Amino acid sequence: MLAGSPLSQSFNLSGFIGGGTLGCNWQAGAWVFGIGGDGSATNKSGQAPSAVLTIGSSAGPLIVNQANQFEMQERWLVTARGRLGLTNFWWFGDKTLLYVTGGAAWAKIDSTLAVIGNPIATGVFQSDTRTGWTVGGGLEYALGYGWSAKSEFLYVDFGNWTTFTGCAGVAPGCPSGGPTSLNVNLKDYIWRAGLNYKFW
């Protein structure tokens, strides 16, 4: 708290994502119903000056230490989703599938707080595995011989959680003079393209 108000900071994560998917579809007329899951490795990361409270002097007020850096990295992402699609939609032919999708999501998220210029407290690291939800949509086109190309967008929400909970107080590896718990809210906006192969 600073003058009765919580401190906050926001920043963007950016990077690449790559992986594989497995699922099945059922078609009834122009409608396609499907279920599937996918797993991806990511290198998304971002950082900003941390909202860590430090003592300015023995009698001074609490201030934000702009020298400290907070970094978040997303290591992997897994989703399990349902899919509802439509072929022969408007000007699209029977080789094109327009679909919406949604379900559950899981991710491993690493958080690091680098405490700069302090020989006692050098930083804090914690890895969290989060469960969230996802919705999105995409377009898939049949190329022939069992292959199809797709492009899709996903919105993923992992909600709020508290990290750095393993750092109980000021000590080596813990922030000096400040709170050791940090509330985080993470949302992903993912665009990806890929190839699918139909086994039967």
Protein backbone atom coordinates (compact mmCIF):
# COMPACT_ATOMS: atom_id res chain seq x y z
CA MET A 1 0.00 0.00 0.00
CA LEU A 2 1.10 3.59 -0.66
CA ALA A 3 -1.06 6.31 0.89
CA GLY A 4 -3.88 3.78 1.26
CA SER A 5 -3.87 2.71 -2.43
CA PRO A 6 -2.57 -0.58 -3.89
CA LEU A 7 0.35 -0.34 -6.29
CA SER A 8 -0.07 -1.89 -9.73
CA GLN A 9 1.92 -2.45 -12.91
CA SER A 10 1.05 -3.89 -16.31
CA PHE A 11 3.05 -5.00 -19.35
CA ASN A 12 2.77 -7.15 -22.47
CA LEU A 13 4.20 -10.60 -23.08
CA SER A 14 5.33 -11.44 -26.60
CA GLY A 15 6.97 -14.41 -28.29
CA PHE A 16 6.42 -17.51 -30.40
CA ILE A 17 4.38 -20.65 -29.84
CA GLY A 18 4.69 -24.05 -31.50
CA GLY A 19 3.31 -27.53 -30.87
CA GLY A 20 0.85 -30.18 -31.96
CA THR A 21 -2.83 -31.06 -31.77
CA LEU A 22 -4.97 -34.21 -31.76
CA GLY A 23 -8.74 -34.53 -32.04
CA CYS A 24 -11.71 -35.86 -33.96
CA ASN A 25 -14.66 -34.41 -35.88
CA TRP A 26 -18.18 -35.55 -36.77
CA GLN A 27 -20.06 -34.04 -39.68
CA ALA A 28 -23.84 -33.83 -40.03
CA GLY A 29 -24.75 -32.07 -43.26
CA ALA A 30 -22.97 -28.74 -43.31
CA TRP A 31 -22.33 -28.80 -39.53
CA VAL A 32 -19.12 -30.14 -37.99
CA PHE A 33 -18.76 -31.07 -34.30
CA GLY A 34 -15.36 -31.77 -32.82
CA ILE A 35 -13.29 -32.26 -29.68
CA GLY A 36 -9.53 -31.98 -29.37
CA GLY A 37 -6.52 -31.03 -27.36
CA ASP A 38 -3.21 -29.38 -28.10
CA GLY A 39 0.10 -28.77 -26.40
CA SER A 40 2.60 -26.04 -27.19
CA ALA A 41 5.98 -24.82 -26.03
CA THR A 42 6.22 -21.04 -25.83
CA ASN A 43 8.90 -18.44 -25.23
CA LYS A 44 6.56 -15.56 -24.41
CA SER A 45 7.99 -13.13 -21.89
CA GLY A 46 7.71 -9.54 -20.72
CA GLN A 47 9.05 -7.31 -18.00
CA ALA A 48 8.58 -3.95 -16.32
CA PRO A 49 9.81 -2.03 -13.27
CA SER A 50 8.34 -3.83 -10.29
CA ALA A 51 5.82 -2.39 -7.87
CA VAL A 52 7.95 -3.41 -4.89
CA LEU A 53 7.73 -1.28 -1.76
CA THR A 54 11.00 -0.27 -0.13
CA ILE A 55 11.89 1.98 2.77
CA GLY A 56 13.27 5.30 1.55
CA SER A 57 14.88 6.04 4.92
CA SER A 58 14.43 5.00 8.54
CA ALA A 59 11.75 7.65 8.92
CA GLY A 60 10.74 8.07 5.30
CA PRO A 61 7.59 6.85 3.53
CA LEU A 62 7.27 3.67 1.47
CA ILE A 63 8.20 4.25 -2.17
CA VAL A 64 8.26 2.26 -5.41
CA ASN A 65 11.71 0.94 -6.23
CA GLN A 66 12.01 1.61 -9.96
CA ALA A 67 15.40 -0.14 -10.11
CA ASN A 68 13.81 -3.55 -9.51
CA GLN A 69 12.48 -5.57 -12.45
CA PHE A 70 9.58 -8.01 -12.57
CA GLU A 71 9.62 -10.55 -15.42
CA MET A 72 7.02 -13.14 -16.41
CA GLN A 73 7.63 -16.04 -18.81
CA GLU A 74 5.10 -18.54 -20.18
CA ARG A 75 6.83 -21.89 -20.72
CA TRP A 76 4.09 -24.16 -22.10
CA LEU A 77 0.38 -24.08 -22.88
CA VAL A 78 -2.14 -26.93 -23.12
CA THR A 79 -5.82 -26.67 -24.09
CA ALA A 80 -8.76 -29.11 -24.26
CA ARG A 81 -11.57 -27.71 -26.40
CA GLY A 82 -14.79 -28.40 -28.21
CA ARG A 83 -15.39 -27.12 -31.73
CA LEU A 84 -18.49 -26.20 -33.72
CA GLY A 85 -18.03 -25.51 -37.43
CA LEU A 86 -19.96 -24.84 -40.60
CA THR A 87 -19.07 -25.64 -44.22
CA ASN A 88 -20.65 -24.16 -47.38
CA PHE A 89 -20.92 -20.91 -45.46
CA TRP A 90 -21.87 -17.91 -47.62
CA TRP A 91 -19.30 -17.81 -50.44
CA PHE A 92 -17.14 -20.61 -48.91
CA GLY A 93 -17.26 -24.01 -50.58
CA ASP A 94 -17.39 -27.46 -49.01
CA LYS A 95 -13.60 -27.49 -48.60
CA THR A 96 -13.70 -24.59 -46.14
CA LEU A 97 -14.67 -24.90 -42.47
CA LEU A 98 -15.47 -21.84 -40.37
CA TYR A 99 -15.54 -22.69 -36.65
CA VAL A 100 -15.75 -21.46 -33.07
CA THR A 101 -13.99 -23.23 -30.22
CA GLY A 102 -13.71 -23.11 -26.44
CA GLY A 103 -12.69 -25.06 -23.37
CA ALA A 104 -10.06 -25.31 -20.64
CA ALA A 105 -6.42 -24.22 -20.65
CA TRP A 106 -3.33 -24.90 -18.54
CA ALA A 107 0.05 -23.17 -18.52
CA LYS A 108 3.36 -23.09 -16.67
CA ILE A 109 4.27 -19.53 -15.77
CA ASP A 110 7.62 -18.43 -14.29
CA SER A 111 7.82 -15.16 -12.34
CA THR A 112 11.08 -13.45 -11.43
CA LEU A 113 11.70 -10.37 -9.33
CA ALA A 114 15.25 -9.03 -9.70
CA VAL A 115 16.23 -6.87 -6.74
CA ILE A 116 18.97 -4.67 -8.16
CA GLY A 117 21.75 -3.12 -6.07
CA ASN A 118 20.99 -5.01 -2.86
CA PRO A 119 23.72 -7.43 -1.68
CA ILE A 120 21.36 -9.14 0.81
CA ALA A 121 18.23 -9.68 -1.29
CA THR A 122 19.17 -10.61 -4.85
CA GLY A 123 15.82 -11.72 -6.23
CA VAL A 124 12.83 -14.03 -6.06
CA PHE A 125 11.72 -16.80 -8.46
CA GLN A 126 8.56 -18.90 -8.46
CA SER A 127 6.99 -21.24 -11.01
CA ASP A 128 3.18 -21.61 -11.09
CA THR A 129 0.97 -24.00 -13.06
CA ARG A 130 -2.33 -22.29 -13.79
CA THR A 131 -5.74 -23.47 -14.98
CA GLY A 132 -7.90 -21.13 -17.05
CA TRP A 133 -10.37 -21.04 -19.93
CA THR A 134 -10.20 -20.21 -23.62
CA VAL A 135 -12.49 -19.24 -26.49
CA GLY A 136 -11.74 -18.47 -30.11
CA GLY A 137 -12.40 -19.21 -33.72
CA GLY A 138 -10.72 -20.07 -36.97
CA LEU A 139 -10.78 -21.16 -40.56
CA GLU A 140 -9.69 -24.54 -41.96
CA TYR A 141 -9.27 -25.42 -45.64
CA ALA A 142 -8.99 -28.95 -47.08
CA LEU A 143 -5.90 -29.24 -49.27
CA GLY A 144 -6.47 -32.83 -50.37
CA TYR A 145 -4.90 -36.23 -49.64
CA GLY A 146 -5.98 -35.92 -45.99
CA TRP A 147 -4.24 -32.59 -45.37
CA SER A 148 -5.81 -29.29 -44.33
CA ALA A 149 -4.43 -25.87 -43.42
CA LYS A 150 -5.87 -23.78 -40.62
CA SER A 151 -5.56 -20.40 -38.98
CA GLU A 152 -7.12 -19.62 -35.61
CA PHE A 153 -7.26 -17.05 -32.84
CA LEU A 154 -7.57 -17.91 -29.14
CA TYR A 155 -8.28 -15.74 -26.12
CA VAL A 156 -7.01 -17.38 -22.91
CA ASP A 157 -7.75 -16.12 -19.40
CA PHE A 158 -5.86 -17.45 -16.37
CA GLY A 159 -7.54 -15.13 -13.86
CA ASN A 160 -5.88 -13.79 -10.71
CA TRP A 161 -3.40 -15.57 -8.48
CA THR A 162 -0.70 -14.78 -5.92
CA THR A 163 2.92 -15.61 -6.64
CA PHE A 164 6.13 -15.37 -4.55
CA THR A 165 4.22 -17.12 -1.76
CA GLY A 166 7.26 -19.22 -0.88
CA CYS A 167 9.18 -16.12 0.24
CA ALA A 168 7.97 -15.69 3.81
CA GLY A 169 9.90 -12.54 4.75
CA VAL A 170 12.95 -10.38 4.21
CA ALA A 171 15.91 -12.75 3.80
CA PRO A 172 18.48 -13.72 1.16
CA GLY A 173 16.55 -14.13 -2.06
CA CYS A 174 13.60 -12.08 -0.83
CA PRO A 175 12.74 -8.41 -1.50
CA SER A 176 14.20 -6.06 1.08
CA GLY A 177 11.70 -4.07 3.10
CA GLY A 178 8.67 -4.97 0.98
CA PRO A 179 5.83 -7.44 0.67
CA THR A 180 6.78 -10.86 -0.68
CA SER A 181 3.42 -11.78 -2.26
CA LEU A 182 2.34 -10.42 -5.63
CA ASN A 183 -1.10 -10.61 -7.25
CA VAL A 184 -0.97 -11.42 -10.98
CA ASN A 185 -3.62 -11.36 -13.71
CA LEU A 186 -2.67 -12.96 -17.05
CA LYS A 187 -4.53 -13.04 -20.38
CA ASP A 188 -3.25 -14.48 -23.67
CA TYR A 189 -4.16 -13.35 -27.19
CA ILE A 190 -2.86 -16.04 -29.52
CA TRP A 191 -2.87 -16.25 -33.31
CA ARG A 192 -1.50 -19.41 -34.85
CA ALA A 193 -1.45 -21.29 -38.13
CA GLY A 194 -0.85 -24.96 -38.82
CA LEU A 195 -1.42 -28.15 -40.81
CA ASN A 196 -3.74 -31.02 -39.88
CA TYR A 197 -3.77 -34.57 -41.23
CA LYS A 198 -6.95 -36.65 -41.30
CA PHE A 199 -6.20 -40.31 -40.51
CA TRP A 200 -9.67 -41.59 -41.50
